[in-house]
Amino acid sequence: MTQSRFVRGLLAFCVLLVPLLLNSTSAQSLTRQPDLADAVAGQYFGDVISDSKGSSRNDVALTVAKAGKNRVRVTSDYARLPSVEVVLEKAMDKIVNAGGSTVFLFDAAKNPPKLDVSFHNEVSWSGEKQ
């Protein structure tokens, strides 16, 4: 008898606790603070300014999309620029790549904001946020 009373009490406790935990999680997701990926995400337009295996090219679009917390995926309409994922960190007033062979430099102080990317240290692109 006492064991079934204990099980019923535990079950009632769980039934009451689960909605509270779910509401707490929902409230946290609604109040998510923007991170570095949110700040740099968007469409950019510029030029390939240096290419170790070819010539420069004007009018090249870049898309920077959030891929996770402080992480973005960079894609382009120009096949020479590979898709890359970049982990971001803040360095003074700039947002930069936290490591790896791709240089990512975002300067929000410029108007419009400026982005420079050197893909695998082979081809470099420079442009502005649209």
N, C-alpha and C. Protein backbone atom coordinates (compact mmCIF):
# COMPACT_ATOMS: atom_id res chain seq x y z
N MET A 1 0.82 -1.19 0.00
CA MET A 1 0.00 0.00 0.00
C MET A 1 0.87 1.26 0.00
N THR A 2 1.89 1.31 0.83
CA THR A 2 2.73 2.50 0.89
C THR A 2 3.57 2.67 -0.38
N GLN A 3 3.92 1.53 -1.00
CA GLN A 3 4.70 1.63 -2.23
C GLN A 3 3.85 2.23 -3.35
N SER A 4 2.60 1.83 -3.49
CA SER A 4 1.74 2.39 -4.54
C SER A 4 1.44 3.86 -4.25
N ARG A 5 1.31 4.22 -2.98
CA ARG A 5 1.09 5.62 -2.62
C ARG A 5 2.32 6.45 -3.01
N PHE A 6 3.50 5.89 -2.78
CA PHE A 6 4.74 6.57 -3.14
C PHE A 6 4.83 6.76 -4.66
N VAL A 7 4.50 5.72 -5.42
CA VAL A 7 4.55 5.78 -6.88
C VAL A 7 3.56 6.82 -7.40
N ARG A 8 2.34 6.85 -6.82
CA ARG A 8 1.35 7.84 -7.24
C ARG A 8 1.83 9.26 -6.92
N GLY A 9 2.43 9.43 -5.77
CA GLY A 9 2.95 10.74 -5.39
C GLY A 9 4.08 11.18 -6.32
N LEU A 10 4.96 10.25 -6.66
CA LEU A 10 6.06 10.55 -7.58
C LEU A 10 5.52 10.90 -8.96
N LEU A 11 4.54 10.16 -9.43
CA LEU A 11 3.93 10.42 -10.73
C LEU A 11 3.27 11.80 -10.73
N ALA A 12 2.54 12.13 -9.68
CA ALA A 12 1.90 13.44 -9.59
C ALA A 12 2.95 14.56 -9.59
N PHE A 13 4.04 14.34 -8.88
CA PHE A 13 5.12 15.32 -8.84
C PHE A 13 5.69 15.55 -10.24
N CYS A 14 5.93 14.45 -10.98
CA CYS A 14 6.47 14.54 -12.34
C CYS A 14 5.50 15.26 -13.27
N VAL A 15 4.21 14.94 -13.15
CA VAL A 15 3.21 15.58 -14.00
C VAL A 15 3.17 17.09 -13.75
N LEU A 16 3.37 17.50 -12.53
CA LEU A 16 3.38 18.93 -12.21
C LEU A 16 4.70 19.60 -12.58
N LEU A 17 5.79 18.87 -12.50
CA LEU A 17 7.10 19.45 -12.74
C LEU A 17 7.42 19.63 -14.23
N VAL A 18 7.01 18.69 -15.06
CA VAL A 18 7.34 18.74 -16.49
C VAL A 18 6.84 20.04 -17.15
N PRO A 19 5.57 20.44 -16.97
CA PRO A 19 5.13 21.70 -17.60
C PRO A 19 5.95 22.91 -17.12
N LEU A 20 6.35 22.92 -15.87
CA LEU A 20 7.15 24.03 -15.37
C LEU A 20 8.51 24.08 -16.08
N LEU A 21 9.12 22.93 -16.28
CA LEU A 21 10.40 22.88 -16.98
C LEU A 21 10.25 23.29 -18.43
N LEU A 22 9.17 22.86 -19.08
CA LEU A 22 8.95 23.22 -20.48
C LEU A 22 8.73 24.72 -20.62
N ASN A 23 7.96 25.32 -19.73
CA ASN A 23 7.73 26.76 -19.79
C ASN A 23 9.01 27.53 -19.56
N SER A 24 9.85 27.06 -18.67
CA SER A 24 11.13 27.70 -18.40
C SER A 24 12.02 27.67 -19.63
N THR A 25 12.07 26.54 -20.33
CA THR A 25 12.87 26.41 -21.53
C THR A 25 12.33 27.30 -22.64
N SER A 26 11.02 27.37 -22.80
CA SER A 26 10.41 28.21 -23.82
C SER A 26 10.72 29.68 -23.57
N ALA A 27 10.66 30.11 -22.34
CA ALA A 27 10.96 31.50 -22.01
C ALA A 27 12.41 31.83 -22.34
N GLN A 28 13.32 30.89 -22.08
CA GLN A 28 14.72 31.14 -22.38
C GLN A 28 14.94 31.27 -23.88
N SER A 29 14.27 30.44 -24.69
CA SER A 29 14.47 30.50 -26.13
C SER A 29 13.88 31.77 -26.73
N LEU A 30 12.82 32.32 -26.11
CA LEU A 30 12.22 33.55 -26.60
C LEU A 30 13.09 34.76 -26.29
N THR A 31 13.91 34.69 -25.27
CA THR A 31 14.74 35.82 -24.89
C THR A 31 16.20 35.63 -25.30
N ARG A 32 16.43 34.83 -26.34
CA ARG A 32 17.79 34.57 -26.81
C ARG A 32 18.44 35.88 -27.25
N GLN A 33 19.64 36.10 -26.77
CA GLN A 33 20.40 37.29 -27.14
C GLN A 33 21.09 37.07 -28.48
N PRO A 34 21.09 38.09 -29.35
CA PRO A 34 21.81 37.96 -30.62
C PRO A 34 23.30 37.71 -30.37
N ASP A 35 23.90 36.89 -31.23
CA ASP A 35 25.32 36.62 -31.09
C ASP A 35 26.07 37.19 -32.30
N LEU A 36 27.34 36.86 -32.42
CA LEU A 36 28.16 37.41 -33.50
C LEU A 36 27.66 36.97 -34.88
N ALA A 37 27.15 35.76 -34.98
CA ALA A 37 26.62 35.27 -36.26
C ALA A 37 25.42 36.11 -36.71
N ASP A 38 24.58 36.50 -35.77
CA ASP A 38 23.44 37.36 -36.11
C ASP A 38 23.92 38.70 -36.66
N ALA A 39 25.00 39.22 -36.10
CA ALA A 39 25.52 40.54 -36.50
C ALA A 39 26.06 40.54 -37.92
N VAL A 40 26.66 39.44 -38.37
CA VAL A 40 27.30 39.42 -39.69
C VAL A 40 26.44 38.78 -40.78
N ALA A 41 25.38 38.07 -40.41
CA ALA A 41 24.55 37.38 -41.40
C ALA A 41 23.95 38.38 -42.39
N GLY A 42 23.93 37.99 -43.67
CA GLY A 42 23.33 38.84 -44.69
C GLY A 42 23.94 38.63 -46.06
N GLN A 43 23.54 39.51 -46.98
CA GLN A 43 24.03 39.49 -48.35
C GLN A 43 25.12 40.55 -48.51
N TYR A 44 26.19 40.19 -49.23
CA TYR A 44 27.30 41.09 -49.47
C TYR A 44 27.60 41.14 -50.96
N PHE A 45 28.13 42.27 -51.41
CA PHE A 45 28.46 42.43 -52.82
C PHE A 45 29.85 43.06 -52.91
N GLY A 46 30.73 42.47 -53.72
CA GLY A 46 32.08 43.00 -53.83
C GLY A 46 32.86 42.35 -54.95
N ASP A 47 34.18 42.26 -54.74
CA ASP A 47 35.07 41.79 -55.80
C ASP A 47 36.09 40.79 -55.27
N VAL A 48 36.47 39.85 -56.14
CA VAL A 48 37.63 39.00 -55.86
C VAL A 48 38.83 39.88 -56.15
N ILE A 49 39.63 40.17 -55.12
CA ILE A 49 40.73 41.12 -55.27
C ILE A 49 42.08 40.44 -55.48
N SER A 50 42.13 39.13 -55.20
CA SER A 50 43.38 38.39 -55.36
C SER A 50 43.05 36.91 -55.49
N ASP A 51 43.72 36.25 -56.45
CA ASP A 51 43.48 34.82 -56.66
C ASP A 51 44.79 34.17 -57.07
N SER A 52 45.27 33.22 -56.27
CA SER A 52 46.55 32.57 -56.55
C SER A 52 46.48 31.66 -57.78
N LYS A 53 45.27 31.32 -58.23
CA LYS A 53 45.13 30.42 -59.37
C LYS A 53 44.36 31.04 -60.53
N GLY A 54 44.22 32.36 -60.51
CA GLY A 54 43.48 33.01 -61.59
C GLY A 54 43.50 34.51 -61.42
N SER A 55 42.62 35.17 -62.16
CA SER A 55 42.60 36.63 -62.12
C SER A 55 41.49 37.13 -61.20
N SER A 56 41.52 38.41 -60.94
CA SER A 56 40.49 39.03 -60.12
C SER A 56 39.16 39.02 -60.86
N ARG A 57 38.08 39.26 -60.11
CA ARG A 57 36.76 39.28 -60.73
C ARG A 57 35.88 40.28 -59.99
N ASN A 58 35.18 41.10 -60.74
CA ASN A 58 34.29 42.10 -60.16
C ASN A 58 32.87 41.55 -60.01
N ASP A 59 32.09 42.22 -59.20
CA ASP A 59 30.66 41.94 -59.04
C ASP A 59 30.38 40.50 -58.58
N VAL A 60 30.90 40.13 -57.44
CA VAL A 60 30.72 38.80 -56.88
C VAL A 60 29.90 38.92 -55.60
N ALA A 61 28.82 38.15 -55.51
CA ALA A 61 27.95 38.18 -54.33
C ALA A 61 28.36 37.09 -53.34
N LEU A 62 28.25 37.42 -52.06
CA LEU A 62 28.52 36.48 -50.97
C LEU A 62 27.30 36.44 -50.08
N THR A 63 26.98 35.25 -49.58
CA THR A 63 25.91 35.10 -48.60
C THR A 63 26.53 34.55 -47.32
N VAL A 64 26.25 35.23 -46.22
CA VAL A 64 26.71 34.79 -44.91
C VAL A 64 25.47 34.41 -44.12
N ALA A 65 25.35 33.12 -43.80
CA ALA A 65 24.17 32.60 -43.10
C ALA A 65 24.56 32.01 -41.76
N LYS A 66 23.75 32.26 -40.76
CA LYS A 66 24.01 31.71 -39.43
C LYS A 66 23.93 30.18 -39.49
N ALA A 67 24.95 29.52 -38.94
CA ALA A 67 25.00 28.06 -38.92
C ALA A 67 24.98 27.53 -37.49
N GLY A 68 25.00 28.41 -36.52
CA GLY A 68 25.01 28.03 -35.11
C GLY A 68 25.43 29.23 -34.29
N LYS A 69 25.57 29.01 -33.00
CA LYS A 69 26.00 30.11 -32.14
C LYS A 69 27.42 30.53 -32.50
N ASN A 70 27.57 31.81 -32.88
CA ASN A 70 28.87 32.37 -33.28
C ASN A 70 29.52 31.57 -34.42
N ARG A 71 28.69 31.01 -35.30
CA ARG A 71 29.19 30.22 -36.44
C ARG A 71 28.37 30.59 -37.68
N VAL A 72 29.06 30.83 -38.81
CA VAL A 72 28.38 31.17 -40.06
C VAL A 72 28.88 30.29 -41.20
N ARG A 73 28.04 30.18 -42.22
CA ARG A 73 28.41 29.51 -43.47
C ARG A 73 28.47 30.58 -44.54
N VAL A 74 29.60 30.63 -45.25
CA VAL A 74 29.82 31.62 -46.30
C VAL A 74 29.72 30.91 -47.65
N THR A 75 28.83 31.39 -48.51
CA THR A 75 28.68 30.83 -49.86
C THR A 75 28.71 31.98 -50.86
N SER A 76 28.91 31.63 -52.14
CA SER A 76 29.04 32.65 -53.17
C SER A 76 28.41 32.21 -54.47
N ASP A 77 28.13 33.19 -55.33
CA ASP A 77 27.63 32.89 -56.68
C ASP A 77 28.78 32.62 -57.65
N TYR A 78 30.02 32.71 -57.17
CA TYR A 78 31.21 32.50 -57.99
C TYR A 78 31.84 31.18 -57.58
N ALA A 79 31.94 30.25 -58.52
CA ALA A 79 32.39 28.88 -58.23
C ALA A 79 33.80 28.82 -57.64
N ARG A 80 34.63 29.80 -57.92
CA ARG A 80 36.01 29.79 -57.42
C ARG A 80 36.07 29.97 -55.89
N LEU A 81 35.02 30.55 -55.32
CA LEU A 81 34.96 30.75 -53.87
C LEU A 81 34.25 29.57 -53.24
N PRO A 82 34.96 28.76 -52.45
CA PRO A 82 34.33 27.58 -51.85
C PRO A 82 33.40 27.96 -50.70
N SER A 83 32.46 27.09 -50.39
CA SER A 83 31.64 27.27 -49.20
C SER A 83 32.49 26.92 -47.98
N VAL A 84 32.42 27.77 -46.97
CA VAL A 84 33.19 27.53 -45.75
C VAL A 84 32.32 27.83 -44.54
N GLU A 85 32.62 27.16 -43.43
CA GLU A 85 32.02 27.48 -42.14
C GLU A 85 33.08 28.13 -41.29
N VAL A 86 32.68 29.21 -40.62
CA VAL A 86 33.63 30.00 -39.85
C VAL A 86 33.09 30.17 -38.43
N VAL A 87 33.93 29.91 -37.45
CA VAL A 87 33.60 30.18 -36.05
C VAL A 87 34.09 31.59 -35.75
N LEU A 88 33.23 32.41 -35.19
CA LEU A 88 33.52 33.83 -35.02
C LEU A 88 33.90 34.19 -33.59
N GLU A 89 34.72 35.24 -33.49
CA GLU A 89 35.05 35.83 -32.19
C GLU A 89 35.22 37.32 -32.39
N LYS A 90 35.12 38.05 -31.31
CA LYS A 90 35.28 39.50 -31.36
C LYS A 90 36.74 39.85 -31.08
N ALA A 91 37.29 40.76 -31.88
CA ALA A 91 38.66 41.24 -31.68
C ALA A 91 38.60 42.77 -31.78
N MET A 92 38.66 43.40 -30.63
CA MET A 92 38.48 44.86 -30.52
C MET A 92 37.12 45.22 -31.09
N ASP A 93 37.04 46.05 -32.13
CA ASP A 93 35.73 46.41 -32.68
C ASP A 93 35.39 45.63 -33.95
N LYS A 94 36.13 44.57 -34.25
CA LYS A 94 35.92 43.75 -35.44
C LYS A 94 35.41 42.36 -35.04
N ILE A 95 34.81 41.66 -36.00
CA ILE A 95 34.43 40.26 -35.81
C ILE A 95 35.29 39.46 -36.78
N VAL A 96 35.99 38.47 -36.25
CA VAL A 96 36.98 37.72 -37.04
C VAL A 96 36.78 36.21 -36.86
N ASN A 97 37.46 35.45 -37.73
CA ASN A 97 37.48 34.00 -37.62
C ASN A 97 38.29 33.60 -36.39
N ALA A 98 37.78 32.64 -35.64
CA ALA A 98 38.47 32.18 -34.42
C ALA A 98 39.65 31.27 -34.73
N GLY A 99 39.81 30.84 -35.97
CA GLY A 99 40.92 29.97 -36.34
C GLY A 99 40.69 29.34 -37.70
N GLY A 100 41.67 28.63 -38.18
CA GLY A 100 41.53 27.95 -39.46
C GLY A 100 42.24 28.70 -40.59
N SER A 101 42.10 28.20 -41.81
CA SER A 101 42.82 28.74 -42.95
C SER A 101 42.04 29.79 -43.72
N THR A 102 40.82 30.12 -43.29
CA THR A 102 40.03 31.15 -43.94
C THR A 102 40.03 32.41 -43.06
N VAL A 103 40.48 33.50 -43.64
CA VAL A 103 40.47 34.78 -42.94
C VAL A 103 39.09 35.40 -43.12
N PHE A 104 38.48 35.84 -42.03
CA PHE A 104 37.16 36.49 -42.04
C PHE A 104 37.29 37.74 -41.20
N LEU A 105 37.06 38.91 -41.81
CA LEU A 105 37.20 40.18 -41.10
C LEU A 105 35.99 41.06 -41.40
N PHE A 106 35.14 41.26 -40.39
CA PHE A 106 33.93 42.07 -40.52
C PHE A 106 34.12 43.35 -39.73
N ASP A 107 33.90 44.49 -40.40
CA ASP A 107 34.05 45.80 -39.77
C ASP A 107 32.72 46.53 -39.80
N ALA A 108 32.01 46.50 -38.67
CA ALA A 108 30.70 47.15 -38.57
C ALA A 108 30.83 48.66 -38.44
N ALA A 109 32.03 49.17 -38.13
CA ALA A 109 32.23 50.60 -37.98
C ALA A 109 32.16 51.33 -39.33
N LYS A 110 32.39 50.62 -40.40
CA LYS A 110 32.29 51.21 -41.74
C LYS A 110 30.81 51.35 -42.10
N ASN A 111 30.52 52.29 -42.99
CA ASN A 111 29.14 52.47 -43.43
C ASN A 111 29.09 52.47 -44.95
N PRO A 112 28.57 51.43 -45.59
CA PRO A 112 27.99 50.22 -45.00
C PRO A 112 29.07 49.30 -44.44
N PRO A 113 28.66 48.34 -43.60
CA PRO A 113 29.64 47.40 -43.01
C PRO A 113 30.46 46.69 -44.08
N LYS A 114 31.75 46.49 -43.80
CA LYS A 114 32.68 45.90 -44.76
C LYS A 114 33.08 44.49 -44.32
N LEU A 115 33.24 43.61 -45.30
CA LEU A 115 33.66 42.24 -45.05
C LEU A 115 34.81 41.89 -45.98
N ASP A 116 35.86 41.30 -45.42
CA ASP A 116 36.98 40.77 -46.20
C ASP A 116 37.12 39.29 -45.85
N VAL A 117 37.20 38.44 -46.89
CA VAL A 117 37.35 37.00 -46.69
C VAL A 117 38.45 36.50 -47.60
N SER A 118 39.38 35.72 -47.02
CA SER A 118 40.41 35.05 -47.80
C SER A 118 40.18 33.55 -47.62
N PHE A 119 39.66 32.91 -48.66
CA PHE A 119 39.28 31.51 -48.61
C PHE A 119 40.50 30.61 -48.69
N HIS A 120 40.77 29.88 -47.63
CA HIS A 120 41.89 28.94 -47.55
C HIS A 120 43.21 29.57 -47.97
N ASN A 121 43.33 30.87 -47.75
CA ASN A 121 44.54 31.63 -48.11
C ASN A 121 44.91 31.48 -49.59
N GLU A 122 43.89 31.28 -50.45
CA GLU A 122 44.13 31.14 -51.89
C GLU A 122 43.48 32.24 -52.71
N VAL A 123 42.28 32.63 -52.33
CA VAL A 123 41.53 33.62 -53.09
C VAL A 123 40.86 34.58 -52.10
N SER A 124 41.02 35.88 -52.36
CA SER A 124 40.53 36.89 -51.43
C SER A 124 39.41 37.70 -52.06
N TRP A 125 38.40 37.98 -51.23
CA TRP A 125 37.22 38.74 -51.64
C TRP A 125 37.04 39.90 -50.68
N SER A 126 36.57 41.04 -51.19
CA SER A 126 36.30 42.20 -50.37
C SER A 126 35.01 42.86 -50.84
N GLY A 127 34.13 43.20 -49.87
CA GLY A 127 32.88 43.82 -50.26
C GLY A 127 32.13 44.42 -49.10
N GLU A 128 30.89 44.82 -49.38
CA GLU A 128 30.06 45.53 -48.40
C GLU A 128 28.72 44.82 -48.23
N LYS A 129 28.15 45.01 -47.05
CA LYS A 129 26.84 44.42 -46.73
C LYS A 129 25.76 45.20 -47.47
N GLN A 130 24.82 44.47 -48.03
CA GLN A 130 23.71 45.10 -48.77
C GLN A 130 22.52 45.35 -47.88
